[in-house]
C-alpha atoms as a PDB file:
ATOM      1  CA  MET A   1      -9.405  25.026  30.858  1.00  0.00           C
ATOM      2  CA  ILE A   2      -9.508  23.870  34.468  1.00  0.00           C
ATOM      3  CA  PHE A   3      -9.863  20.270  33.393  1.00  0.00           C
ATOM      4  CA  ILE A   4      -7.027  20.518  30.948  1.00  0.00           C
ATOM      5  CA  THR A   5      -4.795  22.159  33.615  1.00  0.00           C
ATOM      6  CA  LEU A   6      -5.599  19.366  36.133  1.00  0.00           C
ATOM      7  CA  PHE A   7      -4.960  16.733  33.457  1.00  0.00           C
ATOM      8  CA  LEU A   8      -1.529  18.202  32.581  1.00  0.00           C
ATOM      9  CA  GLU A   9      -0.657  18.599  36.294  1.00  0.00           C
ATOM     10  CA  ASN A  10      -1.571  15.015  37.031  1.00  0.00           C
ATOM     11  CA  TYR A  11       0.318  13.375  34.248  1.00  0.00           C
ATOM     12  CA  PHE A  12       3.085  15.820  33.272  1.00  0.00           C
ATOM     13  CA  GLY A  13       4.045  17.261  36.671  1.00  0.00           C
ATOM     14  CA  GLU A  14       3.344  20.346  38.714  1.00  0.00           C
ATOM     15  CA  GLY A  15       5.894  22.342  36.767  1.00  0.00           C
ATOM     16  CA  VAL A  16       3.489  22.672  33.917  1.00  0.00           C
ATOM     17  CA  LEU A  17       1.409  25.095  36.035  1.00  0.00           C
ATOM     18  CA  LEU A  18       4.163  27.683  35.702  1.00  0.00           C
ATOM     19  CA  ILE A  19       3.735  27.891  31.954  1.00  0.00           C
ATOM     20  CA  SER A  20       0.136  26.813  31.458  1.00  0.00           C
ATOM     21  CA  GLY A  21      -1.067  30.342  31.674  1.00  0.00           C
ATOM     22  CA  PHE A  22       1.038  31.258  28.627  1.00  0.00           C
ATOM     23  CA  MET A  23       0.058  28.313  26.432  1.00  0.00           C
ATOM     24  CA  ASP A  24      -2.470  29.010  23.846  1.00  0.00           C
ATOM     25  CA  ARG A  25      -5.275  26.560  23.029  1.00  0.00           C
ATOM     26  CA  ALA A  26      -3.394  25.036  20.048  1.00  0.00           C
ATOM     27  CA  ILE A  27      -0.432  23.874  22.172  1.00  0.00           C
ATOM     28  CA  ILE A  28      -2.771  22.463  24.885  1.00  0.00           C
ATOM     29  CA  ALA A  29      -4.724  20.615  22.228  1.00  0.00           C
ATOM     30  CA  PHE A  30      -1.444  19.162  20.921  1.00  0.00           C
ATOM     31  CA  PHE A  31      -0.668  17.628  24.286  1.00  0.00           C
ATOM     32  CA  ILE A  32      -4.148  16.285  24.624  1.00  0.00           C
ATOM     33  CA  MET A  33      -4.027  14.693  21.181  1.00  0.00           C
ATOM     34  CA  TRP A  34      -0.552  13.313  21.930  1.00  0.00           C
ATOM     35  CA  GLY A  35      -1.899  11.584  25.060  1.00  0.00           C
ATOM     36  CA  ILE A  36      -5.016  10.288  23.212  1.00  0.00           C
ATOM     37  CA  ARG A  37      -3.005   8.835  20.272  1.00  0.00           C
ATOM     38  CA  SER A  38      -0.674   7.105  22.647  1.00  0.00           C
ATOM     39  CA  TYR A  39      -3.568   5.748  24.770  1.00  0.00           C
ATOM     40  CA  SER A  40      -5.283   4.586  21.575  1.00  0.00           C
ATOM     41  CA  LYS A  41      -2.210   2.528  20.573  1.00  0.00           C
ATOM     42  CA  ILE A  42      -2.225   0.834  23.936  1.00  0.00           C
ATOM     43  CA  LYS A  43      -6.006   0.206  23.898  1.00  0.00           C
ATOM     44  CA  ASP A  44      -5.846  -1.400  20.420  1.00  0.00           C
ATOM     45  CA  SER A  45      -2.965  -3.645  21.399  1.00  0.00           C
ATOM     46  CA  VAL A  46      -4.632  -4.735  24.588  1.00  0.00           C
ATOM     47  CA  GLU A  47      -7.856  -5.558  22.750  1.00  0.00           C
ATOM     48  CA  LYS A  48      -5.931  -7.690  20.208  1.00  0.00           C
ATOM     49  CA  LEU A  49      -4.074  -9.433  22.960  1.00  0.00           C
ATOM     50  CA  ALA A  50      -7.334 -10.175  24.782  1.00  0.00           C
ATOM     51  CA  ALA A  51      -8.658 -11.651  21.535  1.00  0.00           C
ATOM     52  CA  GLY A  52      -5.728 -14.096  21.444  1.00  0.00           C
ATOM     53  CA  ASP A  53      -3.295 -12.314  19.122  1.00  0.00           C
ATOM     54  CA  THR A  54       0.027 -12.847  20.813  1.00  0.00           C
ATOM     55  CA  THR A  55       2.028 -11.259  17.949  1.00  0.00           C
ATOM     56  CA  VAL A  56       0.806  -7.765  18.915  1.00  0.00           C
ATOM     57  CA  ASN A  57       3.395  -5.278  20.065  1.00  0.00           C
ATOM     58  CA  VAL A  58       2.825  -1.819  21.471  1.00  0.00           C
ATOM     59  CA  ASP A  59       4.918   0.800  19.652  1.00  0.00           C
ATOM     60  CA  VAL A  60       6.015   2.937  22.578  1.00  0.00           C
ATOM     61  CA  ARG A  61       8.154   5.366  20.588  1.00  0.00           C
ATOM     62  CA  GLY A  62       7.201   8.987  21.054  1.00  0.00           C
ATOM     63  CA  MET A  63       4.765   8.284  23.945  1.00  0.00           C
ATOM     64  CA  PRO A  64       4.642  10.297  27.204  1.00  0.00           C
ATOM     65  CA  GLN A  65       6.750   8.547  29.803  1.00  0.00           C
ATOM     66  CA  PHE A  66       3.841   7.301  31.935  1.00  0.00           C
ATOM     67  CA  LEU A  67       2.171   5.702  28.861  1.00  0.00           C
ATOM     68  CA  GLU A  68       5.466   4.391  27.530  1.00  0.00           C
ATOM     69  CA  ASP A  69       5.939   2.514  30.833  1.00  0.00           C
ATOM     70  CA  THR A  70       2.489   1.056  30.449  1.00  0.00           C
ATOM     71  CA  GLY A  71       3.098  -0.032  26.867  1.00  0.00           C
ATOM     72  CA  THR A  72       6.386  -1.646  27.848  1.00  0.00           C
ATOM     73  CA  ALA A  73       4.674  -3.550  30.651  1.00  0.00           C
ATOM     74  CA  ILE A  74       2.076  -4.844  28.193  1.00  0.00           C
ATOM     75  CA  ASN A  75       4.819  -5.958  25.780  1.00  0.00           C
ATOM     76  CA  ASP A  76       6.481  -7.839  28.731  1.00  0.00           C
ATOM     77  CA  ILE A  77       3.170  -9.519  29.449  1.00  0.00           C
ATOM     78  CA  ARG A  78       2.830 -10.535  25.823  1.00  0.00           C
ATOM     79  CA  ASN A  79       6.381 -12.037  25.827  1.00  0.00           C
ATOM     80  CA  GLY A  80       5.530 -14.006  28.961  1.00  0.00           C
ATOM     81  CA  ILE A  81       2.357 -15.338  27.412  1.00  0.00           C
ATOM     82  CA  GLU A  82       4.286 -16.452  24.266  1.00  0.00           C
ATOM     83  CA  ILE A  83       6.875 -18.266  26.391  1.00  0.00           C
ATOM     84  CA  ALA A  84       4.141 -19.984  28.425  1.00  0.00           C
ATOM     85  CA  LEU A  85       2.283 -21.036  25.255  1.00  0.00           C
ATOM     86  CA  ALA A  86       5.464 -22.350  23.655  1.00  0.00           C
ATOM     87  CA  GLU A  87       6.250 -24.400  26.787  1.00  0.00           C
ATOM     88  CA  ARG A  88       2.677 -25.739  27.009  1.00  0.00           C
ATOM     89  CA  THR A  89       2.725 -26.672  23.314  1.00  0.00           C
ATOM     90  CA  LYS A  90       5.985 -28.475  23.759  1.00  0.00           C
ATOM     91  CA  SER A  91       4.719 -30.318  26.851  1.00  0.00           C
ATOM     92  CA  GLU A  92       1.513 -31.316  25.035  1.00  0.00           C
ATOM     93  CA  ARG A  93       3.417 -32.592  22.026  1.00  0.00           C
ATOM     94  CA  MET A  94       5.761 -34.617  24.226  1.00  0.00           C
ATOM     95  CA  LYS A  95       2.800 -36.060  26.146  1.00  0.00           C
ATOM     96  CA  VAL A  96       1.040 -37.052  22.923  1.00  0.00           C
ATOM     97  CA  GLU A  97       4.179 -38.644  21.498  1.00  0.00           C
ATOM     98  CA  LEU A  98       4.740 -40.581  24.749  1.00  0.00           C
ATOM     99  CA  ILE A  99       1.152 -41.828  24.793  1.00  0.00           C
ATOM    100  CA  THR A 100       1.295 -42.781  21.095  1.00  0.00           C
ATOM    101  CA  ASN A 101       4.642 -44.591  21.403  1.00  0.00           C
ATOM    102  CA  VAL A 102       3.674 -46.481  24.581  1.00  0.00           C
ATOM    103  CA  SER A 103       0.361 -47.430  23.065  1.00  0.00           C
ATOM    104  CA  HIS A 104       2.077 -48.809  19.981  1.00  0.00           C
ATOM    105  CA  ASP A 105       4.407 -50.810  22.156  1.00  0.00           C
ATOM    106  CA  ILE A 106       1.523 -52.293  24.137  1.00  0.00           C
ATOM    107  CA  LYS A 107      -0.379 -53.122  20.980  1.00  0.00           C
ATOM    108  CA  THR A 108       2.147 -55.690  19.838  1.00  0.00           C
ATOM    109  CA  PRO A 109       2.022 -57.996  22.858  1.00  0.00           C
ATOM    110  CA  ILE A 110      -1.820 -57.605  22.951  1.00  0.00           C
ATOM    111  CA  THR A 111      -1.982 -58.872  19.387  1.00  0.00           C
ATOM    112  CA  SER A 112       0.160 -61.863  20.333  1.00  0.00           C
ATOM    113  CA  ILE A 113      -2.116 -62.634  23.355  1.00  0.00           C
ATOM    114  CA  ILE A 114      -5.190 -62.473  21.111  1.00  0.00           C
ATOM    115  CA  ASN A 115      -3.625 -64.797  18.532  1.00  0.00           C
ATOM    116  CA  TYR A 116      -2.531 -67.374  21.109  1.00  0.00           C
ATOM    117  CA  VAL A 117      -5.923 -67.319  22.831  1.00  0.00           C
ATOM    118  CA  ASP A 118      -7.439 -68.003  19.397  1.00  0.00           C
ATOM    119  CA  LEU A 119      -5.071 -70.909  18.878  1.00  0.00           C
ATOM    120  CA  LEU A 120      -5.899 -72.394  22.259  1.00  0.00           C
ATOM    121  CA  ASP A 121      -9.560 -72.015  21.573  1.00  0.00           C
ATOM    122  CA  LYS A 122      -9.224 -74.159  18.528  1.00  0.00           C
ATOM    123  CA  GLU A 123      -7.668 -77.009  20.526  1.00  0.00           C
ATOM    124  CA  ASN A 124      -9.934 -79.796  21.797  1.00  0.00           C
ATOM    125  CA  LEU A 125     -10.013 -78.696  25.386  1.00  0.00           C
ATOM    126  CA  GLU A 126     -12.291 -80.779  27.572  1.00  0.00           C
ATOM    127  CA  ASN A 127     -11.811 -78.875  30.824  1.00  0.00           C
ATOM    128  CA  GLU A 128     -14.779 -76.581  31.117  1.00  0.00           C
ATOM    129  CA  LYS A 129     -12.968 -74.278  33.534  1.00  0.00           C
ATOM    130  CA  VAL A 130     -10.161 -73.810  31.004  1.00  0.00           C
ATOM    131  CA  LYS A 131     -12.709 -72.890  28.359  1.00  0.00           C
ATOM    132  CA  ASP A 132     -14.239 -70.313  30.698  1.00  0.00           C
ATOM    133  CA  TYR A 133     -10.782 -68.908  31.393  1.00  0.00           C
ATOM    134  CA  LEU A 134     -10.079 -68.631  27.675  1.00  0.00           C
ATOM    135  CA  GLU A 135     -13.422 -66.877  27.143  1.00  0.00           C
ATOM    136  CA  VAL A 136     -12.466 -64.249  29.739  1.00  0.00           C
ATOM    137  CA  LEU A 137      -9.034 -63.859  28.250  1.00  0.00           C
ATOM    138  CA  ASP A 138     -10.493 -63.404  24.791  1.00  0.00           C
ATOM    139  CA  ARG A 139     -13.027 -60.853  25.882  1.00  0.00           C
ATOM    140  CA  GLN A 140     -10.654 -58.814  28.050  1.00  0.00           C
ATOM    141  CA  SER A 141      -7.797 -58.852  25.513  1.00  0.00           C
ATOM    142  CA  LEU A 142     -10.127 -57.576  22.798  1.00  0.00           C
ATOM    143  CA  ARG A 143     -11.329 -54.886  25.189  1.00  0.00           C
ATOM    144  CA  LEU A 144      -7.749 -53.913  25.909  1.00  0.00           C
ATOM    145  CA  LYS A 145      -6.948 -53.786  22.208  1.00  0.00           C
ATOM    146  CA  ARG A 146      -9.871 -51.438  21.615  1.00  0.00           C
ATOM    147  CA  LEU A 147      -8.729 -49.199  24.499  1.00  0.00           C
ATOM    148  CA  VAL A 148      -5.233 -48.980  22.981  1.00  0.00           C
ATOM    149  CA  GLU A 149      -6.594 -48.214  19.533  1.00  0.00           C
ATOM    150  CA  ASP A 150      -8.809 -45.489  21.042  1.00  0.00           C
ATOM    151  CA  ILE A 151      -5.860 -43.910  22.890  1.00  0.00           C
ATOM    152  CA  ILE A 152      -3.819 -43.864  19.639  1.00  0.00           C
ATOM    153  CA  GLU A 153      -6.620 -42.288  17.732  1.00  0.00           C
ATOM    154  CA  ALA A 154      -7.294 -39.720  20.438  1.00  0.00           C
ATOM    155  CA  SER A 155      -3.623 -38.806  20.427  1.00  0.00           C
ATOM    156  CA  LYS A 156      -3.592 -38.473  16.638  1.00  0.00           C
ATOM    157  CA  ILE A 157      -6.551 -36.148  16.798  1.00  0.00           C
ATOM    158  CA  SER A 158      -4.994 -34.005  19.536  1.00  0.00           C
ATOM    159  CA  SER A 159      -1.772 -33.629  17.607  1.00  0.00           C
ATOM    160  CA  GLY A 160      -3.546 -32.956  14.309  1.00  0.00           C
ATOM    161  CA  ASN A 161      -1.911 -36.008  12.653  1.00  0.00           C
ATOM    162  CA  ILE A 162      -5.135 -37.200  11.006  1.00  0.00           C
ATOM    163  CA  LYS A 163      -5.585 -36.471   7.362  1.00  0.00           C
ATOM    164  CA  PHE A 164      -9.210 -36.234   6.286  1.00  0.00           C
ATOM    165  CA  ASN A 165     -10.405 -37.216   2.847  1.00  0.00           C
ATOM    166  CA  MET A 166     -13.365 -34.869   2.530  1.00  0.00           C
ATOM    167  CA  GLU A 167     -15.894 -36.138   0.010  1.00  0.00           C
ATOM    168  CA  GLU A 168     -19.593 -36.152  -0.663  1.00  0.00           C
ATOM    169  CA  VAL A 169     -21.291 -38.621   1.726  1.00  0.00           C
ATOM    170  CA  ASP A 170     -24.900 -39.882   1.543  1.00  0.00           C
ATOM    171  CA  ALA A 171     -25.972 -39.173   5.131  1.00  0.00           C
ATOM    172  CA  LYS A 172     -29.007 -41.441   5.221  1.00  0.00           C
ATOM    173  CA  VAL A 173     -27.232 -44.457   3.720  1.00  0.00           C
ATOM    174  CA  LEU A 174     -24.254 -44.207   6.066  1.00  0.00           C
ATOM    175  CA  LEU A 175     -26.501 -43.775   9.060  1.00  0.00           C
ATOM    176  CA  ASP A 176     -28.644 -46.840   8.153  1.00  0.00           C
ATOM    177  CA  GLN A 177     -25.510 -48.959   7.583  1.00  0.00           C
ATOM    178  CA  SER A 178     -24.062 -47.912  10.932  1.00  0.00           C
ATOM    179  CA  ILE A 179     -27.199 -48.782  12.848  1.00  0.00           C
ATOM    180  CA  GLY A 180     -27.396 -52.145  10.991  1.00  0.00           C
ATOM    181  CA  GLU A 181     -23.976 -53.055  12.224  1.00  0.00           C
ATOM    182  CA  PHE A 182     -25.305 -52.980  15.800  1.00  0.00           C
ATOM    183  CA  SER A 183     -28.512 -54.989  15.166  1.00  0.00           C
ATOM    184  CA  GLU A 184     -27.363 -58.143  16.927  1.00  0.00           C
ATOM    185  CA  ARG A 185     -25.889 -56.382  19.921  1.00  0.00           C
ATOM    186  CA  LEU A 186     -29.011 -54.280  20.245  1.00  0.00           C
ATOM    187  CA  ALA A 187     -31.197 -57.327  20.070  1.00  0.00           C
ATOM    188  CA  GLU A 188     -29.122 -58.997  22.836  1.00  0.00           C
ATOM    189  CA  LYS A 189     -29.718 -55.960  25.073  1.00  0.00           C
ATOM    190  CA  LYS A 190     -33.412 -55.858  24.054  1.00  0.00           C
ATOM    191  CA  ILE A 191     -33.082 -52.299  22.782  1.00  0.00           C
ATOM    192  CA  GLU A 192     -35.309 -51.356  19.826  1.00  0.00           C
ATOM    193  CA  VAL A 193     -34.011 -48.581  17.578  1.00  0.00           C
ATOM    194  CA  VAL A 194     -36.626 -46.383  15.956  1.00  0.00           C
ATOM    195  CA  VAL A 195     -35.290 -44.399  12.927  1.00  0.00           C
ATOM    196  CA  ASN A 196     -37.110 -41.220  11.851  1.00  0.00           C
ATOM    197  CA  SER A 197     -35.904 -39.925   8.531  1.00  0.00           C
ATOM    198  CA  PHE A 198     -37.201 -38.752   5.169  1.00  0.00           C
ATOM    199  CA  ASP A 199     -37.084 -39.928   1.553  1.00  0.00           C
ATOM    200  CA  ASP A 200     -34.924 -37.130   0.124  1.00  0.00           C
ATOM    201  CA  LYS A 201     -31.290 -37.852  -0.472  1.00  0.00           C
ATOM    202  CA  ILE A 202     -29.065 -35.658   1.623  1.00  0.00           C
ATOM    203  CA  ILE A 203     -25.403 -35.160   0.786  1.00  0.00           C
ATOM    204  CA  LEU A 204     -22.832 -33.662   3.228  1.00  0.00           C
ATOM    205  CA  LYS A 205     -19.103 -33.039   3.030  1.00  0.00           C
ATOM    206  CA  ALA A 206     -17.178 -35.353   5.328  1.00  0.00           C
ATOM    207  CA  ASP A 207     -14.602 -38.144   5.508  1.00  0.00           C
ATOM    208  CA  ASN A 208     -16.680 -41.315   5.025  1.00  0.00           C
ATOM    209  CA  ARG A 209     -14.436 -43.395   7.244  1.00  0.00           C
ATOM    210  CA  TYR A 210     -14.389 -40.980  10.185  1.00  0.00           C
ATOM    211  CA  LEU A 211     -18.032 -40.090   9.943  1.00  0.00           C
ATOM    212  CA  TRP A 212     -18.685 -43.783  10.232  1.00  0.00           C
ATOM    213  CA  ARG A 213     -16.448 -43.843  13.322  1.00  0.00           C
ATOM    214  CA  VAL A 214     -18.531 -41.011  14.858  1.00  0.00           C
ATOM    215  CA  PHE A 215     -21.788 -42.945  14.272  1.00  0.00           C
ATOM    216  CA  ASP A 216     -20.067 -46.145  15.509  1.00  0.00           C
ATOM    217  CA  ASN A 217     -19.014 -44.564  18.771  1.00  0.00           C
ATOM    218  CA  ILE A 218     -22.469 -43.091  19.497  1.00  0.00           C
ATOM    219  CA  MET A 219     -24.224 -46.353  18.721  1.00  0.00           C
ATOM    220  CA  SER A 220     -21.690 -48.234  20.766  1.00  0.00           C
ATOM    221  CA  ASN A 221     -22.440 -45.880  23.652  1.00  0.00           C
ATOM    222  CA  ILE A 222     -26.180 -46.707  23.324  1.00  0.00           C
ATOM    223  CA  VAL A 223     -25.448 -50.428  23.411  1.00  0.00           C
ATOM    224  CA  LYS A 224     -23.270 -50.156  26.503  1.00  0.00           C
ATOM    225  CA  TYR A 225     -25.319 -47.804  28.562  1.00  0.00           C
ATOM    226  CA  ALA A 226     -28.955 -47.791  27.470  1.00  0.00           C
ATOM    227  CA  GLN A 227     -31.602 -49.345  29.691  1.00  0.00           C
ATOM    228  CA  ALA A 228     -32.639 -52.781  28.464  1.00  0.00           C
ATOM    229  CA  ASP A 229     -36.234 -53.262  27.179  1.00  0.00           C
ATOM    230  CA  THR A 230     -36.425 -49.653  25.993  1.00  0.00           C
ATOM    231  CA  ARG A 231     -36.418 -47.801  22.673  1.00  0.00           C
ATOM    232  CA  ALA A 232     -33.632 -45.681  21.301  1.00  0.00           C
ATOM    233  CA  TYR A 233     -34.499 -43.065  18.699  1.00  0.00           C
ATOM    234  CA  VAL A 234     -32.341 -41.886  15.804  1.00  0.00           C
ATOM    235  CA  ASP A 235     -33.675 -38.861  13.939  1.00  0.00           C
ATOM    236  CA  LEU A 236     -32.346 -37.336  10.762  1.00  0.00           C
ATOM    237  CA  GLU A 237     -33.568 -33.749  10.390  1.00  0.00           C
ATOM    238  CA  LYS A 238     -32.956 -30.848   8.003  1.00  0.00           C
ATOM    239  CA  GLU A 239     -33.517 -27.229   8.862  1.00  0.00           C
ATOM    240  CA  GLY A 240     -32.423 -24.701   6.236  1.00  0.00           C
ATOM    241  CA  ASP A 241     -28.952 -25.704   5.124  1.00  0.00           C
ATOM    242  CA  LYS A 242     -28.226 -27.601   8.362  1.00  0.00           C
ATOM    243  CA  LEU A 243     -28.463 -31.395   8.714  1.00  0.00           C
ATOM    244  CA  ARG A 244     -28.906 -32.882  12.168  1.00  0.00           C
ATOM    245  CA  PHE A 245     -28.449 -36.442  13.449  1.00  0.00           C
ATOM    246  CA  ILE A 246     -30.176 -36.860  16.810  1.00  0.00           C
ATOM    247  CA  PHE A 247     -29.577 -39.979  18.976  1.00  0.00           C
ATOM    248  CA  ARG A 248     -31.812 -40.460  22.044  1.00  0.00           C
ATOM    249  CA  ASN A 249     -31.977 -43.174  24.680  1.00  0.00           C
ATOM    250  CA  THR A 250     -32.760 -43.831  28.297  1.00  0.00           C
ATOM    251  CA  SER A 251     -29.677 -44.479  30.365  1.00  0.00           C
ATOM    252  CA  ARG A 252     -29.358 -47.556  32.505  1.00  0.00           C
ATOM    253  CA  GLU A 253     -27.499 -45.672  35.200  1.00  0.00           C
ATOM    254  CA  GLN A 254     -28.298 -42.319  36.782  1.00  0.00           C
ATOM    255  CA  LEU A 255     -26.548 -39.553  34.891  1.00  0.00           C
ATOM    256  CA  ASN A 256     -25.293 -37.339  37.690  1.00  0.00           C
ATOM    257  CA  ILE A 257     -22.839 -35.552  35.470  1.00  0.00           C
ATOM    258  CA  SER A 258     -22.857 -32.495  33.174  1.00  0.00           C
ATOM    259  CA  PRO A 259     -22.645 -32.826  29.360  1.00  0.00           C
ATOM    260  CA  GLU A 260     -19.321 -30.957  29.384  1.00  0.00           C
ATOM    261  CA  GLU A 261     -17.777 -33.444  31.864  1.00  0.00           C
ATOM    262  CA  LEU A 262     -19.180 -36.393  29.912  1.00  0.00           C
ATOM    263  CA  MET A 263     -17.392 -35.362  26.758  1.00  0.00           C
ATOM    264  CA  GLU A 264     -14.063 -35.176  28.436  1.00  0.00           C
ATOM    265  CA  ARG A 265     -11.668 -38.031  27.876  1.00  0.00           C
ATOM    266  CA  PHE A 266     -11.757 -41.019  30.229  1.00  0.00           C
ATOM    267  CA  VAL A 267     -14.962 -39.716  31.819  1.00  0.00           C
ATOM    268  CA  ARG A 268     -17.969 -42.033  31.892  1.00  0.00           C
ATOM    269  CA  GLY A 269     -21.611 -41.558  32.805  1.00  0.00           C
ATOM    270  CA  ASP A 270     -21.550 -44.407  35.268  1.00  0.00           C
ATOM    271  CA  LYS A 271     -18.872 -44.192  37.930  1.00  0.00           C
ATOM    272  CA  SER A 272     -18.523 -47.969  38.265  1.00  0.00           C
ATOM    273  CA  ARG A 273     -15.657 -49.565  36.391  1.00  0.00           C
ATOM    274  CA  TYR A 274     -17.526 -52.755  35.500  1.00  0.00           C
ATOM    275  CA  THR A 275     -18.904 -51.844  32.121  1.00  0.00           C
ATOM    276  CA  GLU A 276     -16.861 -52.223  28.921  1.00  0.00           C
ATOM    277  CA  GLY A 277     -16.522 -48.481  28.161  1.00  0.00           C
ATOM    278  CA  ASN A 278     -13.348 -46.510  28.620  1.00  0.00           C
ATOM    279  CA  GLY A 279     -14.640 -42.966  28.422  1.00  0.00           C
ATOM    280  CA  LEU A 280     -13.040 -42.129  25.110  1.00  0.00           C
ATOM    281  CA  GLY A 281     -15.860 -42.810  22.698  1.00  0.00           C
ATOM    282  CA  LEU A 282     -17.807 -39.554  22.964  1.00  0.00           C
ATOM    283  CA  ALA A 283     -14.643 -37.474  23.210  1.00  0.00           C
ATOM    284  CA  ILE A 284     -13.287 -38.979  19.999  1.00  0.00           C
ATOM    285  CA  ALA A 285     -16.645 -38.564  18.290  1.00  0.00           C
ATOM    286  CA  ARG A 286     -16.762 -34.885  19.191  1.00  0.00           C
ATOM    287  CA  SER A 287     -13.199 -34.249  18.092  1.00  0.00           C
ATOM    288  CA  LEU A 288     -13.748 -36.013  14.757  1.00  0.00           C
ATOM    289  CA  THR A 289     -17.014 -34.175  14.211  1.00  0.00           C
ATOM    290  CA  GLU A 290     -15.476 -30.756  14.838  1.00  0.00           C
ATOM    291  CA  ALA A 291     -12.463 -31.588  12.651  1.00  0.00           C
ATOM    292  CA  MET A 292     -14.874 -32.249   9.725  1.00  0.00           C
ATOM    293  CA  GLY A 293     -16.605 -28.911  10.252  1.00  0.00           C
ATOM    294  CA  GLY A 294     -19.569 -30.104  12.311  1.00  0.00           C
ATOM    295  CA  THR A 295     -20.688 -29.704  15.871  1.00  0.00           C
ATOM    296  CA  MET A 296     -21.620 -32.216  18.592  1.00  0.00           C
ATOM    297  CA  ASN A 297     -23.727 -31.445  21.649  1.00  0.00           C
ATOM    298  CA  ILE A 298     -25.065 -33.543  24.457  1.00  0.00           C
ATOM    299  CA  VAL A 299     -28.349 -33.008  26.380  1.00  0.00           C
ATOM    300  CA  ILE A 300     -28.939 -34.749  29.683  1.00  0.00           C
ATOM    301  CA  ASP A 301     -32.307 -34.597  31.499  1.00  0.00           C
ATOM    302  CA  GLY A 302     -32.511 -37.117  34.352  1.00  0.00           C
ATOM    303  CA  ASP A 303     -31.928 -40.516  32.762  1.00  0.00           C
ATOM    304  CA  PHE A 304     -32.699 -39.141  29.255  1.00  0.00           C
ATOM    305  CA  PHE A 305     -29.634 -38.872  27.074  1.00  0.00           C
ATOM    306  CA  LYS A 306     -29.404 -37.119  23.698  1.00  0.00           C
ATOM    307  CA  VAL A 307     -26.510 -36.590  21.252  1.00  0.00           C
ATOM    308  CA  ILE A 308     -26.979 -33.967  18.473  1.00  0.00           C
ATOM    309  CA  LEU A 309     -24.662 -33.857  15.498  1.00  0.00           C
ATOM    310  CA  GLU A 310     -24.986 -30.947  13.056  1.00  0.00           C
ATOM    311  CA  PHE A 311     -23.379 -30.555   9.620  1.00  0.00           C
ATOM    312  CA  ASP A 312     -23.871 -28.396   6.584  1.00  0.00           C
ATOM    313  CA  ALA A 313     -26.083 -30.111   3.949  1.00  0.00           C
ATOM    314  CA  ILE A 314     -24.696 -29.354   0.463  1.00  0.00           C
ATOM    315  CA  THR A 315     -27.081 -31.183  -1.875  1.00  0.00           C
ATOM    316  CA  ILE A 316     -30.771 -32.108  -1.937  1.00  0.00           C
ATOM    317  CA  ASN A 317     -32.126 -34.412  -4.628  1.00  0.00           C
END
């Protein structure tokens, strides 16, 4: 009874002491349950709000005044969060649209430059310096074209404007084809790729085109940044109903960066700006992988670099 009296005094005013002696236990219990139910409403709403549900609203009707004030404050906080999220979404959408539109505008003159460089290259030019200049123009214009294409694709992924054609894909065949596309470039860099797989046919659900792009970006990363005269390993593993693609290589440069930072856009493992990468490859690969229901993780240990893709395997023959 002392606890109840103190509770009522604290939250309902000192005047309650004048009549508390005349209240029977049923009335006191009513006030306690009234406070508990009101508190429970607030607690449930706060938990939902903390979990990300911004549609939650505290029903403050019939609450004690001090709890009603608390519930109203929580509703005001929720309204503020909704306004902030709406403004952020609008800002992100405008940023993506701006990047996409500008990238498209840049792509047109780049295409013209590439075409005219090709025409000049077909002319019988005898000046060796001019030929060297054309070679540089050709290389850099193609690099710029790839950068613009990557920016457009990254923008589409961010805005959810990519439509996936999910179908059954033979994981091993697609992986072998992707590695084969890089055979010449790997040979030029003196990088030997060792593939560890198995004979069983593994099928996964993915968009064939975009899964190819994921493999392409990861293999391109190996070509650009792996140490020459080393081996790169590509493993295809199955554990339970999970299928893993593991790409491993030794980096040419010291990797003084965390995996989380490396998968951010425009972030590269080497801080110099002399290599051909633009820092979008791994970010795009991760976004595409996650959009198709998979996961992508990076492991860095000194100069050792590993990319792990994981998907659900749906069929084993």
